[in-house]
Structures are given as structure tokens and as C-alpha cells.
C-alpha atoms as a PDB file:
ATOM      1  CA  MET A   1     -41.584  24.503   9.325  1.00  0.00           C
ATOM      2  CA  ARG A   2     -44.676  22.858  10.390  1.00  0.00           C
ATOM      3  CA  ALA A   3     -45.855  22.065  13.844  1.00  0.00           C
ATOM      4  CA  GLY A   4     -44.790  18.642  14.613  1.00  0.00           C
ATOM      5  CA  SER A   5     -42.232  18.074  11.743  1.00  0.00           C
ATOM      6  CA  PHE A   6     -39.214  18.921  13.751  1.00  0.00           C
ATOM      7  CA  PRO A   7     -39.404  15.845  16.096  1.00  0.00           C
ATOM      8  CA  ARG A   8     -40.417  13.285  13.289  1.00  0.00           C
ATOM      9  CA  VAL A   9     -36.967  14.568  11.364  1.00  0.00           C
ATOM     10  CA  THR A  10     -35.141  14.282  14.611  1.00  0.00           C
ATOM     11  CA  TRP A  11     -36.511  10.875  15.215  1.00  0.00           C
ATOM     12  CA  LEU A  12     -35.700   9.542  11.720  1.00  0.00           C
ATOM     13  CA  LEU A  13     -32.127  11.013  11.778  1.00  0.00           C
ATOM     14  CA  LEU A  14     -31.581   9.444  15.233  1.00  0.00           C
ATOM     15  CA  VAL A  15     -32.864   5.987  14.091  1.00  0.00           C
ATOM     16  CA  GLY A  16     -30.660   6.293  11.001  1.00  0.00           C
ATOM     17  CA  LEU A  17     -27.463   7.055  12.997  1.00  0.00           C
ATOM     18  CA  LEU A  18     -28.199   4.461  15.522  1.00  0.00           C
ATOM     19  CA  SER A  19     -28.771   1.571  12.816  1.00  0.00           C
ATOM     20  CA  ALA A  20     -25.433   2.331  11.094  1.00  0.00           C
ATOM     21  CA  THR A  21     -23.763   2.264  14.566  1.00  0.00           C
ATOM     22  CA  VAL A  22     -25.222  -1.176  15.278  1.00  0.00           C
ATOM     23  CA  ALA A  23     -24.557  -2.593  11.701  1.00  0.00           C
ATOM     24  CA  PHE A  24     -20.962  -2.171  11.988  1.00  0.00           C
ATOM     25  CA  ASN A  25     -19.541  -5.540  13.941  1.00  0.00           C
ATOM     26  CA  VAL A  26     -15.912  -5.976  15.075  1.00  0.00           C
ATOM     27  CA  ASP A  27     -15.121  -8.917  17.028  1.00  0.00           C
ATOM     28  CA  THR A  28     -13.429  -7.696  20.250  1.00  0.00           C
ATOM     29  CA  LYS A  29     -13.183 -11.095  22.063  1.00  0.00           C
ATOM     30  CA  ASN A  30     -10.972 -12.800  19.419  1.00  0.00           C
ATOM     31  CA  ALA A  31      -9.117  -9.763  17.761  1.00  0.00           C
ATOM     32  CA  VAL A  32      -5.986 -10.440  16.075  1.00  0.00           C
ATOM     33  CA  LEU A  33      -3.857  -7.308  16.611  1.00  0.00           C
ATOM     34  CA  HIS A  34      -0.747  -6.319  14.275  1.00  0.00           C
ATOM     35  CA  HIS A  35       1.389  -3.188  14.990  1.00  0.00           C
ATOM     36  CA  MET A  36       4.833  -2.054  13.715  1.00  0.00           C
ATOM     37  CA  ALA A  37       5.600   1.522  15.597  1.00  0.00           C
ATOM     38  CA  GLY A  38       6.750   4.453  13.182  1.00  0.00           C
ATOM     39  CA  SER A  39       5.881   2.822  10.129  1.00  0.00           C
ATOM     40  CA  TYR A  40       2.488   4.021   9.528  1.00  0.00           C
ATOM     41  CA  PHE A  41       1.364   0.228   9.467  1.00  0.00           C
ATOM     42  CA  GLY A  42      -2.236   0.119   8.408  1.00  0.00           C
ATOM     43  CA  TYR A  43      -2.147   3.283   6.271  1.00  0.00           C
ATOM     44  CA  SER A  44      -3.743   1.111   3.567  1.00  0.00           C
ATOM     45  CA  LEU A  45      -5.113  -2.311   3.527  1.00  0.00           C
ATOM     46  CA  ASP A  46      -7.281  -4.974   1.620  1.00  0.00           C
ATOM     47  CA  PHE A  47      -8.072  -8.466   1.531  1.00  0.00           C
ATOM     48  CA  TYR A  48      -6.379 -10.697  -1.028  1.00  0.00           C
ATOM     49  CA  ASN A  49      -6.687 -14.436  -2.048  1.00  0.00           C
ATOM     50  CA  GLU A  50      -2.950 -15.173  -2.083  1.00  0.00           C
ATOM     51  CA  GLN A  51      -3.974 -18.893  -2.723  1.00  0.00           C
ATOM     52  CA  LYS A  52      -7.541 -20.070  -3.515  1.00  0.00           C
ATOM     53  CA  GLY A  53      -9.728 -20.066  -0.797  1.00  0.00           C
ATOM     54  CA  MET A  54      -6.942 -18.590   1.803  1.00  0.00           C
ATOM     55  CA  PRO A  55      -7.720 -14.720   2.405  1.00  0.00           C
ATOM     56  CA  ILE A  56      -4.873 -12.713   3.784  1.00  0.00           C
ATOM     57  CA  LEU A  57      -4.916  -8.976   4.929  1.00  0.00           C
ATOM     58  CA  VAL A  58      -2.408  -7.045   2.850  1.00  0.00           C
ATOM     59  CA  VAL A  59      -1.283  -4.039   4.946  1.00  0.00           C
ATOM     60  CA  GLY A  60       0.914  -1.127   3.781  1.00  0.00           C
ATOM     61  CA  ALA A  61       3.359   0.576   5.880  1.00  0.00           C
ATOM     62  CA  PRO A  62       4.736   3.252   3.895  1.00  0.00           C
ATOM     63  CA  GLU A  63       7.265   4.911   6.395  1.00  0.00           C
ATOM     64  CA  ALA A  64       8.756   1.312   7.066  1.00  0.00           C
ATOM     65  CA  GLU A  65      12.130   0.314   6.725  1.00  0.00           C
ATOM     66  CA  THR A  66      12.240  -2.813   4.668  1.00  0.00           C
ATOM     67  CA  THR A  67      13.907  -6.120   4.892  1.00  0.00           C
ATOM     68  CA  ASN A  68      13.975  -6.659   1.049  1.00  0.00           C
ATOM     69  CA  PRO A  69      17.587  -7.340   0.293  1.00  0.00           C
ATOM     70  CA  ASN A  70      17.325  -5.769  -3.030  1.00  0.00           C
ATOM     71  CA  LEU A  71      16.515  -2.503  -1.338  1.00  0.00           C
ATOM     72  CA  ALA A  72      19.384  -2.667   1.441  1.00  0.00           C
ATOM     73  CA  GLY A  73      20.754   0.706   2.255  1.00  0.00           C
ATOM     74  CA  ILE A  74      17.713   2.845   0.876  1.00  0.00           C
ATOM     75  CA  ARG A  75      16.228   4.978   3.645  1.00  0.00           C
ATOM     76  CA  ARG A  76      12.548   4.139   4.501  1.00  0.00           C
ATOM     77  CA  PRO A  77      11.265   2.817   1.133  1.00  0.00           C
ATOM     78  CA  GLY A  78       8.079   1.605   2.775  1.00  0.00           C
ATOM     79  CA  ALA A  79       6.664  -1.986   2.964  1.00  0.00           C
ATOM     80  CA  VAL A  80       3.677  -4.041   2.368  1.00  0.00           C
ATOM     81  CA  TYR A  81       2.873  -7.081   4.607  1.00  0.00           C
ATOM     82  CA  ALA A  82       0.773 -10.238   4.297  1.00  0.00           C
ATOM     83  CA  CYS A  83      -0.894 -10.743   7.739  1.00  0.00           C
ATOM     84  CA  SER A  84      -3.032 -13.787   8.884  1.00  0.00           C
ATOM     85  CA  VAL A  85      -6.441 -12.968   9.634  1.00  0.00           C
ATOM     86  CA  ASN A  86      -6.546 -15.853  12.280  1.00  0.00           C
ATOM     87  CA  ARG A  87      -3.146 -15.362  13.956  1.00  0.00           C
ATOM     88  CA  PRO A  88      -1.116 -12.353  14.947  1.00  0.00           C
ATOM     89  CA  THR A  89       1.629 -13.089  12.178  1.00  0.00           C
ATOM     90  CA  CYS A  90       2.732 -10.972   9.267  1.00  0.00           C
ATOM     91  CA  ARG A  91       5.508 -11.211   6.730  1.00  0.00           C
ATOM     92  CA  GLU A  92       6.689  -8.587   4.466  1.00  0.00           C
ATOM     93  CA  VAL A  93       6.149  -9.186   0.832  1.00  0.00           C
ATOM     94  CA  HIS A  94       9.328  -8.547  -1.401  1.00  0.00           C
ATOM     95  CA  VAL A  95       7.855  -7.368  -4.717  1.00  0.00           C
ATOM     96  CA  ASP A  96      10.503  -5.163  -5.880  1.00  0.00           C
ATOM     97  CA  LYS A  97      13.154  -7.466  -7.728  1.00  0.00           C
ATOM     98  CA  GLN A  98      15.348  -4.649  -8.989  1.00  0.00           C
ATOM     99  CA  LYS A  99      18.648  -4.252  -6.993  1.00  0.00           C
ATOM    100  CA  GLY A 100      18.953  -0.823  -5.381  1.00  0.00           C
ATOM    101  CA  ASN A 101      18.409   2.329  -7.360  1.00  0.00           C
ATOM    102  CA  LEU A 102      19.131   2.036 -11.167  1.00  0.00           C
ATOM    103  CA  LYS A 103      22.238   3.830 -12.355  1.00  0.00           C
ATOM    104  CA  LYS A 104      22.815   5.115 -15.734  1.00  0.00           C
ATOM    105  CA  LEU A 105      26.156   6.389 -17.510  1.00  0.00           C
ATOM    106  CA  ASN A 106      26.540  10.375 -17.361  1.00  0.00           C
ATOM    107  CA  GLY A 107      29.685  10.748 -19.330  1.00  0.00           C
ATOM    108  CA  SER A 108      32.008   8.431 -17.517  1.00  0.00           C
ATOM    109  CA  HIS A 109      30.309   8.108 -14.325  1.00  0.00           C
ATOM    110  CA  LEU A 110      27.523   5.904 -13.232  1.00  0.00           C
ATOM    111  CA  VAL A 111      24.939   8.011 -11.635  1.00  0.00           C
ATOM    112  CA  PRO A 112      21.404   7.023 -10.029  1.00  0.00           C
ATOM    113  CA  ILE A 113      18.439   7.501 -12.280  1.00  0.00           C
ATOM    114  CA  GLU A 114      15.876   6.907  -9.728  1.00  0.00           C
ATOM    115  CA  ASP A 115      15.380   7.376  -5.926  1.00  0.00           C
ATOM    116  CA  LYS A 116      13.621   4.907  -3.804  1.00  0.00           C
ATOM    117  CA  ALA A 117      14.263   6.493  -0.556  1.00  0.00           C
ATOM    118  CA  ASN A 118      11.151   7.742   1.331  1.00  0.00           C
ATOM    119  CA  GLN A 119       8.779   6.728  -1.801  1.00  0.00           C
ATOM    120  CA  PHE A 120       5.957   5.701   0.525  1.00  0.00           C
ATOM    121  CA  PHE A 121       5.671   2.307  -0.788  1.00  0.00           C
ATOM    122  CA  GLY A 122       2.437   0.795   0.572  1.00  0.00           C
ATOM    123  CA  ALA A 123       0.561   4.070   0.613  1.00  0.00           C
ATOM    124  CA  THR A 124      -2.086   2.236  -1.731  1.00  0.00           C
ATOM    125  CA  VAL A 125      -2.983  -1.265  -1.325  1.00  0.00           C
ATOM    126  CA  LYS A 126      -6.018  -2.290  -3.558  1.00  0.00           C
ATOM    127  CA  ALA A 127      -7.412  -5.596  -4.573  1.00  0.00           C
ATOM    128  CA  ASN A 128     -10.100  -6.040  -7.519  1.00  0.00           C
ATOM    129  CA  ASP A 129     -13.634  -7.236  -6.671  1.00  0.00           C
ATOM    130  CA  LYS A 130     -12.727 -11.026  -6.721  1.00  0.00           C
ATOM    131  CA  HIS A 131      -9.510 -10.252  -4.387  1.00  0.00           C
ATOM    132  CA  ASP A 132      -7.363 -12.284  -6.782  1.00  0.00           C
ATOM    133  CA  LYS A 133      -5.415  -9.280  -8.270  1.00  0.00           C
ATOM    134  CA  LEU A 134      -3.505  -6.728  -6.152  1.00  0.00           C
ATOM    135  CA  LEU A 135      -2.087  -3.335  -6.857  1.00  0.00           C
ATOM    136  CA  MET A 136       0.593  -1.874  -4.291  1.00  0.00           C
ATOM    137  CA  CYS A 137       1.924   1.616  -4.947  1.00  0.00           C
ATOM    138  CA  ALA A 138       4.556   4.083  -4.028  1.00  0.00           C
ATOM    139  CA  PRO A 139       3.508   7.548  -4.988  1.00  0.00           C
ATOM    140  CA  LYS A 140       6.668   9.345  -3.987  1.00  0.00           C
ATOM    141  CA  TYR A 141       8.942   7.229  -6.075  1.00  0.00           C
ATOM    142  CA  LYS A 142      11.343   9.567  -8.115  1.00  0.00           C
ATOM    143  CA  TYR A 143      12.952   9.465 -11.776  1.00  0.00           C
ATOM    144  CA  PHE A 144      15.776  11.259 -13.028  1.00  0.00           C
ATOM    145  CA  TYR A 145      15.107  12.025 -16.734  1.00  0.00           C
ATOM    146  CA  SER A 146      17.898  11.278 -19.032  1.00  0.00           C
ATOM    147  CA  LYS A 147      19.508  14.496 -18.948  1.00  0.00           C
ATOM    148  CA  PHE A 148      19.796  14.280 -15.121  1.00  0.00           C
ATOM    149  CA  GLU A 149      18.586  17.698 -14.627  1.00  0.00           C
ATOM    150  CA  VAL A 150      14.765  17.112 -13.797  1.00  0.00           C
ATOM    151  CA  ILE A 151      13.874  14.849 -11.055  1.00  0.00           C
ATOM    152  CA  GLU A 152      10.198  13.954 -11.132  1.00  0.00           C
ATOM    153  CA  PRO A 153       8.035  12.278  -8.555  1.00  0.00           C
ATOM    154  CA  VAL A 154       6.350   9.886 -10.972  1.00  0.00           C
ATOM    155  CA  GLY A 155       5.199   7.277  -8.738  1.00  0.00           C
ATOM    156  CA  THR A 156       5.360   3.466  -9.300  1.00  0.00           C
ATOM    157  CA  CYS A 157       3.235   0.597  -8.612  1.00  0.00           C
ATOM    158  CA  PHE A 158       3.476  -3.229  -8.558  1.00  0.00           C
ATOM    159  CA  TYR A 159       0.720  -5.733  -9.713  1.00  0.00           C
ATOM    160  CA  ALA A 160       0.349  -9.062  -8.432  1.00  0.00           C
ATOM    161  CA  GLU A 161      -1.664 -11.785  -9.404  1.00  0.00           C
ATOM    162  CA  ASN A 162      -1.929 -15.506  -8.021  1.00  0.00           C
ATOM    163  CA  GLY A 163       0.238 -14.778  -5.061  1.00  0.00           C
ATOM    164  CA  PHE A 164       3.116 -12.690  -5.041  1.00  0.00           C
ATOM    165  CA  ASP A 165       5.857 -14.849  -6.953  1.00  0.00           C
ATOM    166  CA  LYS A 166       5.205 -12.969 -10.156  1.00  0.00           C
ATOM    167  CA  THR A 167       4.802  -9.246  -9.973  1.00  0.00           C
ATOM    168  CA  GLU A 168       5.055  -6.721 -12.429  1.00  0.00           C
ATOM    169  CA  GLU A 169       6.098  -2.853 -11.811  1.00  0.00           C
ATOM    170  CA  PHE A 170       4.691   0.065 -13.947  1.00  0.00           C
ATOM    171  CA  SER A 171       4.988   3.512 -13.705  1.00  0.00           C
ATOM    172  CA  SER A 172       2.616   5.254 -16.176  1.00  0.00           C
ATOM    173  CA  CYS A 173       4.453   8.787 -15.927  1.00  0.00           C
ATOM    174  CA  LYS A 174       8.060   7.538 -16.439  1.00  0.00           C
ATOM    175  CA  GLN A 175       9.008   8.263 -19.959  1.00  0.00           C
ATOM    176  CA  GLU A 176      12.015   9.754 -21.164  1.00  0.00           C
ATOM    177  CA  ARG A 177      11.880  13.119 -22.874  1.00  0.00           C
END
């Protein structure tokens, strides 16, 4: 190492770190706080334009109990919340329109072919660059294949566009064998 080069490198590193620290700005005087204990609230989040020009903060809480009536009785399926950026209010978004766990006949008995308990819904929340399309995923969603012998953690996602009224579920790994 040349004489005098060490202090110059140190100085450049210090200036680089300082400028990165100063560039991050958080409003602490008018902060809006959201919190839900034990739910991993904030595990994932992104901004989404639910209506034109109305950005909201979409927050995943993959360990949450849900208020979705379609998932009543299912233990900790996870939840996704739409939160105001101006007020401390959040509302749960109910995108799963399927009632409970699907069931299929196995002989003469109806048995579940999926398991939404502890599916970690809200672990992924991601909007596109324009923030007008949104993906919300449950990576631990399990599917029971037709012979009921194999239980696969295939995961599932919900796609939303133009608000949350019309959503579409897809699970690319859920296929019958």
C-alpha cells in the first residue's frame, strides 16, 4: 500500500456511508403507526393504488388470525391489510373467496384436499412498478393430491387489479398427478 492512500480510502468510505445515512428520510414528527401483536404484521409490504391516485400501504401479516368469514375455523392462515398512509387505520383485505378447505370424495367420505392452516398468507406482498397490480402469496399452502397419499406444500397466490373486488387465485405447482 502506498503511503498516504489509506487515509484517502478511509475518507471516501466514511463520506459514502454518511451520505447513504443522510439520504434516508423518515418523518418522525407525523408518523403513522400500525401494529398487530403476534401476527408478524409488516413481514412484507408495498404501496398499491387501490383507486386512481389513492395510494395505500398493503401489509402482510402471515401469522395472523383472519376475520375472513370464508376461512372461519382455520388456524392462523395469515392476513393482508390495506392501511392508510395518512391515518392509523387498517382494514383486512378478504381475497380468498373459497369457503374453508376444499373437500373431495375419497370412497364414500368427503375429505379435505387442501390445508390453509398456517399457510403464511401475506408473506409476499408485491406491486408492479405502476402500483396498479398486486400479488399476495401464501407459500406454505398445502395441497393433497388425488390419491390423498401425498401432501405437497405448493403455495398459492392471489392477483389483484383495480382494487380488491376482483382477485384471481393461482398456484402454479398445484397439478394432479
